[in-house]
């Protein structure tokens, strides 16, 4: 049983993401895809290698499985796979 990871934009960073509504919980996968697409349109694919698409400082997260329920070695974020 997998829980869907959700993300909420912190209000103080809403000006950086005009396409998002701050304060409402959304699918993390859908929001990450939308932001990644915008970054690629504006700066090319190289921009995806510069930090996380959903920085912890800009977003709150919920819905993650406890570490004990995750398969060993599983990485939960794209940026984690790059390191």
PDB file of N, CA and C in Angstrom:
ATOM      1  N   UNK A   1       0.849  -1.178   0.000  1.00  0.00           N
ATOM      2  CA  UNK A   1       0.000   0.000   0.000  1.00  0.00           C
ATOM      3  C   UNK A   1       0.898   1.246   0.000  1.00  0.00           C
ATOM      4  N   UNK A   2       0.837   2.006  -1.047  1.00  0.00           N
ATOM      5  CA  UNK A   2       1.663   3.207  -1.174  1.00  0.00           C
ATOM      6  C   UNK A   2       0.825   4.450  -0.920  1.00  0.00           C
ATOM      7  N   UNK A   3       1.372   5.337  -0.132  1.00  0.00           N
ATOM      8  CA  UNK A   3       0.730   6.621   0.101  1.00  0.00           C
ATOM      9  C   UNK A   3       1.253   7.603  -0.935  1.00  0.00           C
ATOM     10  N   UNK A   4       0.372   8.445  -1.440  1.00  0.00           N
ATOM     11  CA  UNK A   4       0.792   9.450  -2.411  1.00  0.00           C
ATOM     12  C   UNK A   4       1.471  10.589  -1.676  1.00  0.00           C
ATOM     13  N   UNK A   5       2.633  10.962  -2.150  1.00  0.00           N
ATOM     14  CA  UNK A   5       3.335  12.099  -1.557  1.00  0.00           C
ATOM     15  C   UNK A   5       2.676  13.376  -2.042  1.00  0.00           C
ATOM     16  N   UNK A   6       2.457  14.291  -1.116  1.00  0.00           N
ATOM     17  CA  UNK A   6       1.835  15.577  -1.446  1.00  0.00           C
ATOM     18  C   UNK A   6       2.761  16.706  -1.037  1.00  0.00           C
ATOM     19  N   UNK A   7       2.528  17.837  -1.664  1.00  0.00           N
ATOM     20  CA  UNK A   7       3.365  19.010  -1.438  1.00  0.00           C
ATOM     21  C   UNK A   7       2.473  20.243  -1.307  1.00  0.00           C
ATOM     22  N   UNK A   8       2.940  21.183  -0.485  1.00  0.00           N
ATOM     23  CA  UNK A   8       2.223  22.455  -0.326  1.00  0.00           C
ATOM     24  C   UNK A   8       3.248  23.579  -0.387  1.00  0.00           C
ATOM     25  N   UNK A   9       2.997  24.542  -1.266  1.00  0.00           N
ATOM     26  CA  UNK A   9       3.877  25.703  -1.417  1.00  0.00           C
ATOM     27  C   UNK A   9       3.716  26.625  -0.209  1.00  0.00           C
ATOM     28  N   UNK A  10       4.834  27.002   0.377  1.00  0.00           N
ATOM     29  CA  UNK A  10       4.798  27.946   1.494  1.00  0.00           C
ATOM     30  C   UNK A  10       4.441  29.334   0.952  1.00  0.00           C
ATOM     31  N   UNK A  11       3.531  30.051   1.618  1.00  0.00           N
ATOM     32  CA  UNK A  11       3.049  31.347   1.103  1.00  0.00           C
ATOM     33  C   UNK A  11       4.151  32.358   0.816  1.00  0.00           C
ATOM     34  N   UNK A  12       5.220  32.347   1.603  1.00  0.00           N
ATOM     35  CA  UNK A  12       6.283  33.338   1.411  1.00  0.00           C
ATOM     36  C   UNK A  12       7.089  33.121   0.130  1.00  0.00           C
ATOM     37  N   UNK A  13       6.881  31.964  -0.542  1.00  0.00           N
ATOM     38  CA  UNK A  13       7.584  31.689  -1.794  1.00  0.00           C
ATOM     39  C   UNK A  13       6.635  31.641  -2.991  1.00  0.00           C
ATOM     40  N   UNK A  14       5.395  32.055  -2.798  1.00  0.00           N
ATOM     41  CA  UNK A  14       4.389  32.013  -3.869  1.00  0.00           C
ATOM     42  C   UNK A  14       4.812  32.848  -5.079  1.00  0.00           C
ATOM     43  N   UNK A  15       5.527  33.929  -4.866  1.00  0.00           N
ATOM     44  CA  UNK A  15       5.950  34.781  -5.987  1.00  0.00           C
ATOM     45  C   UNK A  15       6.921  34.072  -6.935  1.00  0.00           C
ATOM     46  N   UNK A  16       7.587  33.025  -6.460  1.00  0.00           N
ATOM     47  CA  UNK A  16       8.522  32.274  -7.300  1.00  0.00           C
ATOM     48  C   UNK A  16       7.818  31.241  -8.184  1.00  0.00           C
ATOM     49  N   UNK A  17       6.578  30.920  -7.832  1.00  0.00           N
ATOM     50  CA  UNK A  17       5.821  29.886  -8.544  1.00  0.00           C
ATOM     51  C   UNK A  17       4.414  30.409  -8.860  1.00  0.00           C
ATOM     52  N   UNK A  18       4.299  31.359  -9.778  1.00  0.00           N
ATOM     53  CA  UNK A  18       2.992  31.972 -10.038  1.00  0.00           C
ATOM     54  C   UNK A  18       1.945  30.984 -10.560  1.00  0.00           C
ATOM     55  N   UNK A  19       2.378  29.845 -11.092  1.00  0.00           N
ATOM     56  CA  UNK A  19       1.440  28.864 -11.610  1.00  0.00           C
ATOM     57  C   UNK A  19       0.827  27.985 -10.509  1.00  0.00           C
ATOM     58  N   UNK A  20       1.327  28.101  -9.277  1.00  0.00           N
ATOM     59  CA  UNK A  20       0.832  27.269  -8.174  1.00  0.00           C
ATOM     60  C   UNK A  20      -0.006  28.074  -7.193  1.00  0.00           C
ATOM     61  N   UNK A  21      -0.888  27.360  -6.506  1.00  0.00           N
ATOM     62  CA  UNK A  21      -1.664  27.965  -5.417  1.00  0.00           C
ATOM     63  C   UNK A  21      -0.942  27.663  -4.116  1.00  0.00           C
ATOM     64  N   UNK A  22      -0.610  28.663  -3.353  1.00  0.00           N
ATOM     65  CA  UNK A  22       0.046  28.403  -2.074  1.00  0.00           C
ATOM     66  C   UNK A  22      -1.000  27.975  -1.056  1.00  0.00           C
ATOM     67  N   UNK A  23      -0.569  27.138  -0.140  1.00  0.00           N
ATOM     68  CA  UNK A  23      -1.426  26.730   0.955  1.00  0.00           C
ATOM     69  C   UNK A  23      -2.289  25.510   0.704  1.00  0.00           C
ATOM     70  N   UNK A  24      -2.388  25.014  -0.533  1.00  0.00           N
ATOM     71  CA  UNK A  24      -3.214  23.834  -0.786  1.00  0.00           C
ATOM     72  C   UNK A  24      -2.323  22.629  -1.089  1.00  0.00           C
ATOM     73  N   UNK A  25      -2.700  21.469  -0.572  1.00  0.00           N
ATOM     74  CA  UNK A  25      -1.951  20.238  -0.808  1.00  0.00           C
ATOM     75  C   UNK A  25      -2.235  19.724  -2.211  1.00  0.00           C
ATOM     76  N   UNK A  26      -1.174  19.384  -2.935  1.00  0.00           N
ATOM     77  CA  UNK A  26      -1.261  18.900  -4.315  1.00  0.00           C
ATOM     78  C   UNK A  26      -0.371  17.659  -4.449  1.00  0.00           C
ATOM     79  N   UNK A  27      -0.564  16.919  -5.512  1.00  0.00           N
ATOM     80  CA  UNK A  27       0.292  15.775  -5.809  1.00  0.00           C
ATOM     81  C   UNK A  27       1.720  16.259  -6.052  1.00  0.00           C
ATOM     82  N   UNK A  28       2.669  15.719  -5.302  1.00  0.00           N
ATOM     83  CA  UNK A  28       4.063  16.133  -5.473  1.00  0.00           C
ATOM     84  C   UNK A  28       4.565  15.797  -6.872  1.00  0.00           C
ATOM     85  N   UNK A  29       4.144  14.662  -7.407  1.00  0.00           N
ATOM     86  CA  UNK A  29       4.590  14.268  -8.751  1.00  0.00           C
ATOM     87  C   UNK A  29       4.086  15.257  -9.800  1.00  0.00           C
ATOM     88  N   UNK A  30       2.836  15.658  -9.707  1.00  0.00           N
ATOM     89  CA  UNK A  30       2.266  16.589 -10.686  1.00  0.00           C
ATOM     90  C   UNK A  30       2.919  17.966 -10.587  1.00  0.00           C
ATOM     91  N   UNK A  31       3.140  18.442  -9.373  1.00  0.00           N
ATOM     92  CA  UNK A  31       3.760  19.762  -9.187  1.00  0.00           C
ATOM     93  C   UNK A  31       5.212  19.728  -9.659  1.00  0.00           C
ATOM     94  N   UNK A  32       5.938  18.668  -9.331  1.00  0.00           N
ATOM     95  CA  UNK A  32       7.329  18.555  -9.769  1.00  0.00           C
ATOM     96  C   UNK A  32       7.417  18.530 -11.291  1.00  0.00           C
ATOM     97  N   UNK A  33       6.502  17.822 -11.927  1.00  0.00           N
ATOM     98  CA  UNK A  33       6.501  17.763 -13.391  1.00  0.00           C
ATOM     99  C   UNK A  33       6.238  19.140 -13.995  1.00  0.00           C
ATOM    100  N   UNK A  34       5.280  19.870 -13.444  1.00  0.00           N
ATOM    101  CA  UNK A  34       4.956  21.202 -13.964  1.00  0.00           C
ATOM    102  C   UNK A  34       6.140  22.163 -13.803  1.00  0.00           C
ATOM    103  N   UNK A  35       6.789  22.122 -12.656  1.00  0.00           N
ATOM    104  CA  UNK A  35       7.917  23.017 -12.408  1.00  0.00           C
ATOM    105  C   UNK A  35       9.110  22.623 -13.278  1.00  0.00           C
ATOM    106  N   UNK A  36       9.352  21.325 -13.420  1.00  0.00           N
ATOM    107  CA  UNK A  36      10.450  20.864 -14.271  1.00  0.00           C
ATOM    108  C   UNK A  36      10.222  21.289 -15.723  1.00  0.00           C
ATOM    109  N   UNK A  37       9.007  21.160 -16.207  1.00  0.00           N
ATOM    110  CA  UNK A  37       8.705  21.583 -17.578  1.00  0.00           C
ATOM    111  C   UNK A  37       8.964  23.077 -17.764  1.00  0.00           C
ATOM    112  N   UNK A  38       8.558  23.887 -16.789  1.00  0.00           N
ATOM    113  CA  UNK A  38       8.802  25.333 -16.887  1.00  0.00           C
ATOM    114  C   UNK A  38      10.291  25.631 -16.892  1.00  0.00           C
ATOM    115  N   UNK A  39      11.060  24.957 -16.026  1.00  0.00           N
ATOM    116  CA  UNK A  39      12.506  25.180 -15.983  1.00  0.00           C
ATOM    117  C   UNK A  39      13.166  24.805 -17.297  1.00  0.00           C
ATOM    118  N   UNK A  40      12.731  23.701 -17.888  1.00  0.00           N
ATOM    119  CA  UNK A  40      13.292  23.273 -19.171  1.00  0.00           C
ATOM    120  C   UNK A  40      12.965  24.286 -20.268  1.00  0.00           C
ATOM    121  N   UNK A  41      11.723  24.764 -20.297  1.00  0.00           N
ATOM    122  CA  UNK A  41      11.332  25.782 -21.303  1.00  0.00           C
ATOM    123  C   UNK A  41      12.165  27.045 -21.152  1.00  0.00           C
ATOM    124  N   UNK A  42      12.402  27.462 -19.909  1.00  0.00           N
ATOM    125  CA  UNK A  42      13.104  28.724 -19.676  1.00  0.00           C
ATOM    126  C   UNK A  42      14.622  28.620 -19.774  1.00  0.00           C
ATOM    127  N   UNK A  43      15.179  27.484 -19.307  1.00  0.00           N
ATOM    128  CA  UNK A  43      16.634  27.407 -19.166  1.00  0.00           C
ATOM    129  C   UNK A  43      17.261  26.157 -19.779  1.00  0.00           C
ATOM    130  N   UNK A  44      16.466  25.293 -20.388  1.00  0.00           N
ATOM    131  CA  UNK A  44      16.998  24.072 -20.985  1.00  0.00           C
ATOM    132  C   UNK A  44      17.120  22.936 -19.972  1.00  0.00           C
ATOM    133  N   UNK A  45      17.449  21.770 -20.484  1.00  0.00           N
ATOM    134  CA  UNK A  45      17.515  20.578 -19.631  1.00  0.00           C
ATOM    135  C   UNK A  45      18.607  20.653 -18.574  1.00  0.00           C
ATOM    136  N   UNK A  46      19.642  21.424 -18.819  1.00  0.00           N
ATOM    137  CA  UNK A  46      20.720  21.539 -17.845  1.00  0.00           C
ATOM    138  C   UNK A  46      20.204  22.091 -16.511  1.00  0.00           C
ATOM    139  N   UNK A  47      19.117  22.847 -16.535  1.00  0.00           N
ATOM    140  CA  UNK A  47      18.563  23.427 -15.307  1.00  0.00           C
ATOM    141  C   UNK A  47      18.039  22.366 -14.344  1.00  0.00           C
ATOM    142  N   UNK A  48      17.732  21.182 -14.839  1.00  0.00           N
ATOM    143  CA  UNK A  48      17.228  20.123 -13.965  1.00  0.00           C
ATOM    144  C   UNK A  48      18.319  19.536 -13.086  1.00  0.00           C
ATOM    145  N   UNK A  49      19.562  19.745 -13.447  1.00  0.00           N
ATOM    146  CA  UNK A  49      20.671  19.254 -12.639  1.00  0.00           C
ATOM    147  C   UNK A  49      21.116  20.223 -11.567  1.00  0.00           C
ATOM    148  N   UNK A  50      20.435  21.352 -11.452  1.00  0.00           N
ATOM    149  CA  UNK A  50      20.824  22.397 -10.497  1.00  0.00           C
ATOM    150  C   UNK A  50      19.866  22.417  -9.314  1.00  0.00           C
ATOM    151  N   UNK A  51      20.051  21.519  -8.371  1.00  0.00           N
ATOM    152  CA  UNK A  51      19.219  21.493  -7.180  1.00  0.00           C
ATOM    153  C   UNK A  51      17.930  20.735  -7.392  1.00  0.00           C
ATOM    154  N   UNK A  52      17.187  20.589  -6.342  1.00  0.00           N
ATOM    155  CA  UNK A  52      15.934  19.856  -6.380  1.00  0.00           C
ATOM    156  C   UNK A  52      14.848  20.672  -7.073  1.00  0.00           C
ATOM    157  N   UNK A  53      13.973  19.984  -7.758  1.00  0.00           N
ATOM    158  CA  UNK A  53      12.853  20.650  -8.427  1.00  0.00           C
ATOM    159  C   UNK A  53      11.916  21.246  -7.379  1.00  0.00           C
ATOM    160  N   UNK A  54      11.731  20.539  -6.269  1.00  0.00           N
ATOM    161  CA  UNK A  54      10.883  21.020  -5.168  1.00  0.00           C
ATOM    162  C   UNK A  54      11.759  21.205  -3.926  1.00  0.00           C
ATOM    163  N   UNK A  55      12.395  22.361  -3.775  1.00  0.00           N
ATOM    164  CA  UNK A  55      13.284  22.576  -2.632  1.00  0.00           C
ATOM    165  C   UNK A  55      12.533  22.542  -1.296  1.00  0.00           C
ATOM    166  N   UNK A  56      13.153  21.901  -0.319  1.00  0.00           N
ATOM    167  CA  UNK A  56      12.547  21.802   1.017  1.00  0.00           C
ATOM    168  C   UNK A  56      12.225  23.167   1.617  1.00  0.00           C
ATOM    169  N   UNK A  57      13.022  24.158   1.312  1.00  0.00           N
ATOM    170  CA  UNK A  57      12.796  25.490   1.883  1.00  0.00           C
ATOM    171  C   UNK A  57      11.522  26.142   1.327  1.00  0.00           C
ATOM    172  N   UNK A  58      11.110  25.786   0.110  1.00  0.00           N
ATOM    173  CA  UNK A  58       9.942  26.395  -0.539  1.00  0.00           C
ATOM    174  C   UNK A  58       8.650  25.609  -0.319  1.00  0.00           C
ATOM    175  N   UNK A  59       8.767  24.322   0.024  1.00  0.00           N
ATOM    176  CA  UNK A  59       7.589  23.445   0.089  1.00  0.00           C
ATOM    177  C   UNK A  59       7.537  22.640   1.380  1.00  0.00           C
ATOM    178  N   UNK A  60       6.320  22.269   1.772  1.00  0.00           N
ATOM    179  CA  UNK A  60       6.089  21.307   2.839  1.00  0.00           C
ATOM    180  C   UNK A  60       5.654  20.005   2.183  1.00  0.00           C
ATOM    181  N   UNK A  61       6.010  18.871   2.791  1.00  0.00           N
ATOM    182  CA  UNK A  61       5.694  17.569   2.219  1.00  0.00           C
ATOM    183  C   UNK A  61       4.932  16.718   3.221  1.00  0.00           C
ATOM    184  N   UNK A  62       4.085  15.808   2.684  1.00  0.00           N
ATOM    185  CA  UNK A  62       3.405  14.829   3.525  1.00  0.00           C
ATOM    186  C   UNK A  62       3.056  13.601   2.665  1.00  0.00           C
ATOM    187  N   UNK A  63       2.736  12.514   3.350  1.00  0.00           N
ATOM    188  CA  UNK A  63       2.285  11.324   2.655  1.00  0.00           C
ATOM    189  C   UNK A  63       3.377  10.332   2.326  1.00  0.00           C
ATOM    190  N   UNK A  64       4.533  10.482   2.887  1.00  0.00           N
ATOM    191  CA  UNK A  64       5.645   9.594   2.618  1.00  0.00           C
ATOM    192  C   UNK A  64       5.512   8.341   3.488  1.00  0.00           C
ATOM    193  N   UNK A  65       5.896   7.202   2.949  1.00  0.00           N
ATOM    194  CA  UNK A  65       5.904   5.980   3.744  1.00  0.00           C
ATOM    195  C   UNK A  65       6.988   6.063   4.812  1.00  0.00           C
ATOM    196  N   UNK A  66       6.774   5.442   5.973  1.00  0.00           N
ATOM    197  CA  UNK A  66       7.840   5.401   6.979  1.00  0.00           C
ATOM    198  C   UNK A  66       9.055   4.659   6.422  1.00  0.00           C
ATOM    199  N   UNK A  67      10.246   5.031   6.851  1.00  0.00           N
ATOM    200  CA  UNK A  67      11.467   4.401   6.344  1.00  0.00           C
ATOM    201  C   UNK A  67      11.440   2.890   6.517  1.00  0.00           C
ATOM    202  N   UNK A  68      10.839   2.409   7.588  1.00  0.00           N
ATOM    203  CA  UNK A  68      10.786   0.964   7.825  1.00  0.00           C
ATOM    204  C   UNK A  68       9.960   0.232   6.770  1.00  0.00           C
ATOM    205  N   UNK A  69       9.062   0.926   6.066  1.00  0.00           N
ATOM    206  CA  UNK A  69       8.210   0.303   5.053  1.00  0.00           C
ATOM    207  C   UNK A  69       8.766   0.454   3.640  1.00  0.00           C
ATOM    208  N   UNK A  70       9.878   1.168   3.491  1.00  0.00           N
ATOM    209  CA  UNK A  70      10.465   1.385   2.169  1.00  0.00           C
ATOM    210  C   UNK A  70      11.481   0.292   1.872  1.00  0.00           C
ATOM    211  N   UNK A  71      11.549  -0.150   0.624  1.00  0.00           N
ATOM    212  CA  UNK A  71      12.581  -1.130   0.257  1.00  0.00           C
ATOM    213  C   UNK A  71      13.969  -0.556   0.504  1.00  0.00           C
ATOM    214  N   UNK A  72      14.934  -1.374   0.947  1.00  0.00           N
ATOM    215  CA  UNK A  72      16.299  -0.884   1.187  1.00  0.00           C
ATOM    216  C   UNK A  72      16.896  -0.273  -0.075  1.00  0.00           C
ATOM    217  N   UNK A  73      17.567   0.862   0.099  1.00  0.00           N
ATOM    218  CA  UNK A  73      18.241   1.509  -1.014  1.00  0.00           C
ATOM    219  C   UNK A  73      17.342   2.330  -1.917  1.00  0.00           C
ATOM    220  N   UNK A  74      16.040   2.365  -1.642  1.00  0.00           N
ATOM    221  CA  UNK A  74      15.131   3.150  -2.492  1.00  0.00           C
ATOM    222  C   UNK A  74      15.373   4.624  -2.267  1.00  0.00           C
ATOM    223  N   UNK A  75      15.430   5.368  -3.354  1.00  0.00           N
ATOM    224  CA  UNK A  75      15.576   6.822  -3.256  1.00  0.00           C
ATOM    225  C   UNK A  75      14.261   7.454  -3.643  1.00  0.00           C
ATOM    226  N   UNK A  76      13.844   8.438  -2.867  1.00  0.00           N
ATOM    227  CA  UNK A  76      12.503   8.987  -3.028  1.00  0.00           C
ATOM    228  C   UNK A  76      12.450  10.203  -3.936  1.00  0.00           C
ATOM    229  N   UNK A  77      13.575  10.859  -4.196  1.00  0.00           N
ATOM    230  CA  UNK A  77      13.543  12.080  -4.999  1.00  0.00           C
ATOM    231  C   UNK A  77      14.539  11.968  -6.139  1.00  0.00           C
ATOM    232  N   UNK A  78      14.211  12.610  -7.242  1.00  0.00           N
ATOM    233  CA  UNK A  78      15.080  12.584  -8.416  1.00  0.00           C
ATOM    234  C   UNK A  78      16.491  13.043  -8.073  1.00  0.00           C
ATOM    235  N   UNK A  79      16.606  14.110  -7.310  1.00  0.00           N
ATOM    236  CA  UNK A  79      17.941  14.638  -6.976  1.00  0.00           C
ATOM    237  C   UNK A  79      18.739  13.644  -6.151  1.00  0.00           C
ATOM    238  N   UNK A  80      18.077  12.805  -5.358  1.00  0.00           N
ATOM    239  CA  UNK A  80      18.784  11.802  -4.577  1.00  0.00           C
ATOM    240  C   UNK A  80      19.447  10.773  -5.480  1.00  0.00           C
ATOM    241  N   UNK A  81      18.847  10.504  -6.649  1.00  0.00           N
ATOM    242  CA  UNK A  81      19.412   9.531  -7.578  1.00  0.00           C
ATOM    243  C   UNK A  81      20.660  10.061  -8.253  1.00  0.00           C
ATOM    244  N   UNK A  82      20.836  11.367  -8.265  1.00  0.00           N
ATOM    245  CA  UNK A  82      21.969  11.974  -8.956  1.00  0.00           C
ATOM    246  C   UNK A  82      23.216  12.019  -8.082  1.00  0.00           C
ATOM    247  N   UNK A  83      23.068  11.782  -6.784  1.00  0.00           N
ATOM    248  CA  UNK A  83      24.224  11.871  -5.880  1.00  0.00           C
ATOM    249  C   UNK A  83      24.765  10.511  -5.549  1.00  0.00           C
TER     250      UNK A  83
END
